Amino acid sequence: MPIQNQTTQTKGAIVIGASWGGIQALECLLSDLSSPFQLPILVVLHQERTARGGVIEVLNHHSRIPVQEAEEKQPVLPSVVYLAPPNYHLLVEADQTLSLCISPKVNYCRPSIDVLFESAADVYGAHLLGIILTGANDDGARGTKYIKEQGGKIIVQSPEEAEMPTMPESALKITTADFVLSLKLMARKLNELASHY
């Protein structure tokens, strides 16, 4: 259920990109995050364009932080996980609201991780934390590089642990991650970092 009654914006945010094996990775990561969580979390998960609702239900079952499908013009609030809907790019606007668009696919993907990462980096700059999880293509690599160029931090799932290592490896090829971690250690690091953003 959308959270409408909060108005507090945050200086920082977390963006996450995942593809093949991403549901299980997100289940593991979200289950270990503290609640309430200091920052908003925006997620692009490559999924079938007809997928609806089921992923939200699964993630909410494992997450202490409420997970909801992102909506047009929705304010970005702390302690909420926003998931890009299937077949829509998810972007962050300058006023810290969300927008959805059906512009052409990027890296054969819509939603695209790069699109989310780049728009969020323009808004949050050095206060953005980007995370790349398991996946079978290179979507997100360019976005992680852009986040670093704007002063943000990058965490990449250890390729050895990832169900599909291509996405983490692609990010590591073009930028320097601040941390390369297993999902368990990643959750611990996020709990630690969130209080400083």
C-alpha atoms as a PDB file:
ATOM      1  CA  MET A   1       0.000   0.000   0.000  1.00  0.00           C
ATOM      2  CA  PRO A   2       1.515   3.367  -0.990  1.00  0.00           C
ATOM      3  CA  ILE A   3       2.781   5.499   1.854  1.00  0.00           C
ATOM      4  CA  GLN A   4       1.203   8.930   1.367  1.00  0.00           C
ATOM      5  CA  ASN A   5       1.299  10.699   4.704  1.00  0.00           C
ATOM      6  CA  GLN A   6       5.025  11.323   5.122  1.00  0.00           C
ATOM      7  CA  THR A   7       6.648  14.484   3.787  1.00  0.00           C
ATOM      8  CA  THR A   8      10.246  14.188   4.962  1.00  0.00           C
ATOM      9  CA  GLN A   9      12.805  14.213   2.175  1.00  0.00           C
ATOM     10  CA  THR A  10      16.331  12.935   2.650  1.00  0.00           C
ATOM     11  CA  LYS A  11      19.703  14.262   1.611  1.00  0.00           C
ATOM     12  CA  GLY A  12      20.748  10.833   0.370  1.00  0.00           C
ATOM     13  CA  ALA A  13      19.357   7.685  -1.212  1.00  0.00           C
ATOM     14  CA  ILE A  14      20.251   4.150  -2.257  1.00  0.00           C
ATOM     15  CA  VAL A  15      19.713   2.783  -5.771  1.00  0.00           C
ATOM     16  CA  ILE A  16      19.913  -0.932  -6.548  1.00  0.00           C
ATOM     17  CA  GLY A  17      20.105  -2.753  -9.868  1.00  0.00           C
ATOM     18  CA  ALA A  18      19.545  -6.481 -10.292  1.00  0.00           C
ATOM     19  CA  SER A  19      18.633  -8.931 -13.028  1.00  0.00           C
ATOM     20  CA  TRP A  20      19.010 -12.727 -13.260  1.00  0.00           C
ATOM     21  CA  GLY A  21      18.782 -14.102  -9.696  1.00  0.00           C
ATOM     22  CA  GLY A  22      17.822 -10.663  -8.408  1.00  0.00           C
ATOM     23  CA  ILE A  23      14.677 -11.605  -6.516  1.00  0.00           C
ATOM     24  CA  GLN A  24      16.561 -14.015  -4.266  1.00  0.00           C
ATOM     25  CA  ALA A  25      19.417 -11.517  -3.832  1.00  0.00           C
ATOM     26  CA  LEU A  26      16.983  -8.759  -2.847  1.00  0.00           C
ATOM     27  CA  GLU A  27      15.183 -11.087  -0.438  1.00  0.00           C
ATOM     28  CA  CYS A  28      18.472 -11.775   1.335  1.00  0.00           C
ATOM     29  CA  LEU A  29      19.619  -8.150   1.358  1.00  0.00           C
ATOM     30  CA  LEU A  30      16.344  -6.556   2.462  1.00  0.00           C
ATOM     31  CA  SER A  31      15.742  -9.100   5.215  1.00  0.00           C
ATOM     32  CA  ASP A  32      18.872  -7.939   7.029  1.00  0.00           C
ATOM     33  CA  LEU A  33      18.325  -4.166   6.820  1.00  0.00           C
ATOM     34  CA  SER A  34      17.287  -2.409  10.013  1.00  0.00           C
ATOM     35  CA  SER A  35      13.848  -0.838  10.345  1.00  0.00           C
ATOM     36  CA  PRO A  36      13.165   2.022  10.257  1.00  0.00           C
ATOM     37  CA  PHE A  37      15.877   2.628   7.683  1.00  0.00           C
ATOM     38  CA  GLN A  38      17.341   6.119   7.327  1.00  0.00           C
ATOM     39  CA  LEU A  39      17.238   6.287   3.515  1.00  0.00           C
ATOM     40  CA  PRO A  40      14.897   5.583   0.605  1.00  0.00           C
ATOM     41  CA  ILE A  41      15.818   2.616  -1.603  1.00  0.00           C
ATOM     42  CA  LEU A  42      15.001   2.651  -5.314  1.00  0.00           C
ATOM     43  CA  VAL A  43      15.242  -0.624  -7.201  1.00  0.00           C
ATOM     44  CA  VAL A  44      15.327  -1.669 -10.831  1.00  0.00           C
ATOM     45  CA  LEU A  45      14.828  -5.405 -11.185  1.00  0.00           C
ATOM     46  CA  HIS A  46      14.666  -6.806 -14.701  1.00  0.00           C
ATOM     47  CA  GLN A  47      11.473  -8.854 -14.856  1.00  0.00           C
ATOM     48  CA  GLU A  48       8.872  -9.954 -17.368  1.00  0.00           C
ATOM     49  CA  ARG A  49       6.830  -7.042 -18.674  1.00  0.00           C
ATOM     50  CA  THR A  50       3.643  -8.831 -17.592  1.00  0.00           C
ATOM     51  CA  ALA A  51       4.919  -9.416 -14.038  1.00  0.00           C
ATOM     52  CA  ARG A  52       2.686  -7.600 -11.578  1.00  0.00           C
ATOM     53  CA  GLY A  53       2.350  -7.593  -7.815  1.00  0.00           C
ATOM     54  CA  GLY A  54       3.861 -10.995  -7.131  1.00  0.00           C
ATOM     55  CA  VAL A  55       7.409  -9.699  -6.753  1.00  0.00           C
ATOM     56  CA  ILE A  56       6.218  -6.954  -4.369  1.00  0.00           C
ATOM     57  CA  GLU A  57       4.426  -9.553  -2.253  1.00  0.00           C
ATOM     58  CA  VAL A  58       7.482 -11.821  -2.135  1.00  0.00           C
ATOM     59  CA  LEU A  59       9.847  -8.997  -1.194  1.00  0.00           C
ATOM     60  CA  ASN A  60       7.485  -7.642   1.465  1.00  0.00           C
ATOM     61  CA  HIS A  61       7.376 -11.107   2.999  1.00  0.00           C
ATOM     62  CA  HIS A  62      11.151 -10.937   3.561  1.00  0.00           C
ATOM     63  CA  SER A  63      11.739  -7.212   4.105  1.00  0.00           C
ATOM     64  CA  ARG A  64      11.414  -5.247   7.333  1.00  0.00           C
ATOM     65  CA  ILE A  65      11.100  -2.117   5.199  1.00  0.00           C
ATOM     66  CA  PRO A  66       7.862  -1.680   3.185  1.00  0.00           C
ATOM     67  CA  VAL A  67       8.247  -2.441  -0.527  1.00  0.00           C
ATOM     68  CA  GLN A  68       5.934  -0.833  -3.066  1.00  0.00           C
ATOM     69  CA  GLU A  69       5.730  -0.318  -6.792  1.00  0.00           C
ATOM     70  CA  ALA A  70       6.920   3.158  -7.764  1.00  0.00           C
ATOM     71  CA  GLU A  71       4.242   5.574  -8.951  1.00  0.00           C
ATOM     72  CA  GLU A  72       4.353   8.731 -11.061  1.00  0.00           C
ATOM     73  CA  LYS A  73       4.960  11.948  -9.036  1.00  0.00           C
ATOM     74  CA  GLN A  74       5.404   9.968  -5.815  1.00  0.00           C
ATOM     75  CA  PRO A  75       7.689  11.658  -3.253  1.00  0.00           C
ATOM     76  CA  VAL A  76      10.864   9.752  -2.383  1.00  0.00           C
ATOM     77  CA  LEU A  77      10.688   9.087   1.363  1.00  0.00           C
ATOM     78  CA  PRO A  78      13.007   7.416   3.879  1.00  0.00           C
ATOM     79  CA  SER A  79      12.447   3.811   4.968  1.00  0.00           C
ATOM     80  CA  VAL A  80      10.554   2.836   1.808  1.00  0.00           C
ATOM     81  CA  VAL A  81      11.687   0.529  -1.012  1.00  0.00           C
ATOM     82  CA  TYR A  82      10.417   1.660  -4.427  1.00  0.00           C
ATOM     83  CA  LEU A  83      10.443  -0.959  -7.191  1.00  0.00           C
ATOM     84  CA  ALA A  84      10.307   0.102 -10.838  1.00  0.00           C
ATOM     85  CA  PRO A  85       7.180  -1.315 -12.504  1.00  0.00           C
ATOM     86  CA  PRO A  86       7.687  -3.710 -15.414  1.00  0.00           C
ATOM     87  CA  ASN A  87       8.206  -2.011 -18.795  1.00  0.00           C
ATOM     88  CA  TYR A  88       8.726   1.509 -17.365  1.00  0.00           C
ATOM     89  CA  HIS A  89      11.963   3.403 -16.809  1.00  0.00           C
ATOM     90  CA  LEU A  90      12.146   4.814 -13.271  1.00  0.00           C
ATOM     91  CA  LEU A  91      13.725   8.246 -12.762  1.00  0.00           C
ATOM     92  CA  VAL A  92      14.236  10.654  -9.870  1.00  0.00           C
ATOM     93  CA  GLU A  93      13.281  14.286 -10.523  1.00  0.00           C
ATOM     94  CA  ALA A  94      15.025  17.345  -9.070  1.00  0.00           C
ATOM     95  CA  ASP A  95      12.251  17.814  -6.484  1.00  0.00           C
ATOM     96  CA  GLN A  96      12.826  14.259  -5.190  1.00  0.00           C
ATOM     97  CA  THR A  97       9.730  12.793  -6.774  1.00  0.00           C
ATOM     98  CA  LEU A  98       9.578   9.765  -9.038  1.00  0.00           C
ATOM     99  CA  SER A  99       8.709   9.680 -12.702  1.00  0.00           C
ATOM    100  CA  LEU A 100       7.974   6.787 -15.029  1.00  0.00           C
ATOM    101  CA  CYS A 101       8.481   6.769 -18.779  1.00  0.00           C
ATOM    102  CA  ILE A 102       8.264   4.397 -21.725  1.00  0.00           C
ATOM    103  CA  SER A 103      11.096   5.906 -23.762  1.00  0.00           C
ATOM    104  CA  PRO A 104      13.172   3.370 -25.756  1.00  0.00           C
ATOM    105  CA  LYS A 105      14.951   0.517 -24.037  1.00  0.00           C
ATOM    106  CA  VAL A 106      18.505   1.081 -22.808  1.00  0.00           C
ATOM    107  CA  ASN A 107      20.836  -1.936 -22.970  1.00  0.00           C
ATOM    108  CA  TYR A 108      17.796  -3.840 -24.261  1.00  0.00           C
ATOM    109  CA  CYS A 109      16.085  -3.132 -20.937  1.00  0.00           C
ATOM    110  CA  ARG A 110      13.090  -1.173 -19.704  1.00  0.00           C
ATOM    111  CA  PRO A 111      13.320  -0.445 -16.850  1.00  0.00           C
ATOM    112  CA  SER A 112      17.021   0.277 -17.188  1.00  0.00           C
ATOM    113  CA  ILE A 113      19.382   0.375 -14.242  1.00  0.00           C
ATOM    114  CA  ASP A 114      21.503   3.003 -15.988  1.00  0.00           C
ATOM    115  CA  VAL A 115      18.521   5.339 -16.392  1.00  0.00           C
ATOM    116  CA  LEU A 116      17.684   5.174 -12.674  1.00  0.00           C
ATOM    117  CA  PHE A 117      21.306   5.474 -11.530  1.00  0.00           C
ATOM    118  CA  GLU A 118      22.083   8.474 -13.730  1.00  0.00           C
ATOM    119  CA  SER A 119      18.937  10.420 -12.840  1.00  0.00           C
ATOM    120  CA  ALA A 120      19.426   9.729  -9.111  1.00  0.00           C
ATOM    121  CA  ALA A 121      23.085  10.805  -9.299  1.00  0.00           C
ATOM    122  CA  ASP A 122      22.001  14.141 -10.775  1.00  0.00           C
ATOM    123  CA  VAL A 123      19.718  14.692  -7.762  1.00  0.00           C
ATOM    124  CA  TYR A 124      21.700  13.241  -4.837  1.00  0.00           C
ATOM    125  CA  GLY A 125      25.294  13.644  -6.028  1.00  0.00           C
ATOM    126  CA  ALA A 126      27.789  12.617  -3.358  1.00  0.00           C
ATOM    127  CA  HIS A 127      24.942  11.432  -1.121  1.00  0.00           C
ATOM    128  CA  LEU A 128      23.956   8.592  -3.441  1.00  0.00           C
ATOM    129  CA  LEU A 129      24.913   4.973  -2.862  1.00  0.00           C
ATOM    130  CA  GLY A 130      24.630   2.667  -5.891  1.00  0.00           C
ATOM    131  CA  ILE A 131      24.467  -1.114  -5.631  1.00  0.00           C
ATOM    132  CA  ILE A 132      24.879  -3.690  -8.392  1.00  0.00           C
ATOM    133  CA  LEU A 133      23.658  -7.222  -7.736  1.00  0.00           C
ATOM    134  CA  THR A 134      23.573 -10.414  -9.777  1.00  0.00           C
ATOM    135  CA  GLY A 135      22.667 -10.215 -13.465  1.00  0.00           C
ATOM    136  CA  ALA A 136      23.437 -11.550 -16.910  1.00  0.00           C
ATOM    137  CA  ASN A 137      24.119  -8.334 -18.844  1.00  0.00           C
ATOM    138  CA  ASP A 138      25.986  -5.038 -18.436  1.00  0.00           C
ATOM    139  CA  ASP A 139      23.063  -2.747 -17.592  1.00  0.00           C
ATOM    140  CA  GLY A 140      24.103  -0.613 -14.624  1.00  0.00           C
ATOM    141  CA  ALA A 141      27.819  -0.488 -15.424  1.00  0.00           C
ATOM    142  CA  ARG A 142      27.615   2.941 -17.047  1.00  0.00           C
ATOM    143  CA  GLY A 143      25.352   4.146 -14.238  1.00  0.00           C
ATOM    144  CA  THR A 144      27.801   3.097 -11.532  1.00  0.00           C
ATOM    145  CA  LYS A 145      30.565   5.002 -13.308  1.00  0.00           C
ATOM    146  CA  TYR A 146      28.350   8.084 -13.446  1.00  0.00           C
ATOM    147  CA  ILE A 147      27.518   7.833  -9.731  1.00  0.00           C
ATOM    148  CA  LYS A 148      31.244   7.750  -8.934  1.00  0.00           C
ATOM    149  CA  GLU A 149      31.846  10.772 -11.169  1.00  0.00           C
ATOM    150  CA  GLN A 150      29.239  12.701  -9.149  1.00  0.00           C
ATOM    151  CA  GLY A 151      30.987  11.772  -5.894  1.00  0.00           C
ATOM    152  CA  GLY A 152      28.714   8.915  -4.814  1.00  0.00           C
ATOM    153  CA  LYS A 153      29.696   5.492  -3.529  1.00  0.00           C
ATOM    154  CA  ILE A 154      29.345   2.077  -5.175  1.00  0.00           C
ATOM    155  CA  ILE A 155      28.848  -1.365  -3.667  1.00  0.00           C
ATOM    156  CA  VAL A 156      29.046  -4.420  -5.928  1.00  0.00           C
ATOM    157  CA  GLN A 157      27.959  -7.922  -5.015  1.00  0.00           C
ATOM    158  CA  SER A 158      30.922 -10.268  -4.996  1.00  0.00           C
ATOM    159  CA  PRO A 159      30.946 -11.919  -8.452  1.00  0.00           C
ATOM    160  CA  GLU A 160      31.900 -15.222  -6.828  1.00  0.00           C
ATOM    161  CA  GLU A 161      28.641 -15.173  -4.842  1.00  0.00           C
ATOM    162  CA  ALA A 162      26.348 -13.797  -7.570  1.00  0.00           C
ATOM    163  CA  GLU A 163      24.062 -16.274  -9.324  1.00  0.00           C
ATOM    164  CA  MET A 164      25.066 -14.556 -12.578  1.00  0.00           C
ATOM    165  CA  PRO A 165      28.354 -12.626 -12.261  1.00  0.00           C
ATOM    166  CA  THR A 166      28.183 -10.683 -15.551  1.00  0.00           C
ATOM    167  CA  MET A 167      26.544  -7.577 -14.115  1.00  0.00           C
ATOM    168  CA  PRO A 168      28.910  -7.202 -11.126  1.00  0.00           C
ATOM    169  CA  GLU A 169      31.917  -7.942 -13.331  1.00  0.00           C
ATOM    170  CA  SER A 170      30.805  -5.380 -15.941  1.00  0.00           C
ATOM    171  CA  ALA A 171      30.535  -2.663 -13.289  1.00  0.00           C
ATOM    172  CA  LEU A 172      33.954  -3.518 -11.874  1.00  0.00           C
ATOM    173  CA  LYS A 173      35.513  -3.288 -15.341  1.00  0.00           C
ATOM    174  CA  ILE A 174      34.668   0.374 -15.836  1.00  0.00           C
ATOM    175  CA  THR A 175      34.717   1.849 -12.346  1.00  0.00           C
ATOM    176  CA  THR A 176      36.229   1.283  -8.926  1.00  0.00           C
ATOM    177  CA  ALA A 177      33.777   0.011  -6.344  1.00  0.00           C
ATOM    178  CA  ASP A 178      34.068   1.293  -2.798  1.00  0.00           C
ATOM    179  CA  PHE A 179      33.078  -2.150  -1.543  1.00  0.00           C
ATOM    180  CA  VAL A 180      32.779  -5.619  -3.128  1.00  0.00           C
ATOM    181  CA  LEU A 181      30.789  -7.682  -0.644  1.00  0.00           C
ATOM    182  CA  SER A 182      28.637 -10.728  -0.055  1.00  0.00           C
ATOM    183  CA  LEU A 183      24.957  -9.982   0.506  1.00  0.00           C
ATOM    184  CA  LYS A 184      25.221 -10.553   4.263  1.00  0.00           C
ATOM    185  CA  LEU A 185      28.155  -8.172   4.616  1.00  0.00           C
ATOM    186  CA  MET A 186      26.450  -5.718   2.259  1.00  0.00           C
ATOM    187  CA  ALA A 187      23.405  -5.453   4.534  1.00  0.00           C
ATOM    188  CA  ARG A 188      25.656  -4.825   7.503  1.00  0.00           C
ATOM    189  CA  LYS A 189      27.533  -2.122   5.593  1.00  0.00           C
ATOM    190  CA  LEU A 190      24.275  -0.453   4.497  1.00  0.00           C
ATOM    191  CA  ASN A 191      23.002  -0.327   8.065  1.00  0.00           C
ATOM    192  CA  GLU A 192      26.277   1.336   9.036  1.00  0.00           C
ATOM    193  CA  LEU A 193      26.421   3.799   6.120  1.00  0.00           C
ATOM    194  CA  ALA A 194      22.759   4.845   6.178  1.00  0.00           C
ATOM    195  CA  SER A 195      23.185   6.782   9.403  1.00  0.00           C
ATOM    196  CA  HIS A 196      25.869   8.979   7.779  1.00  0.00           C
ATOM    197  CA  TYR A 197      23.912  10.007   4.664  1.00  0.00           C
END
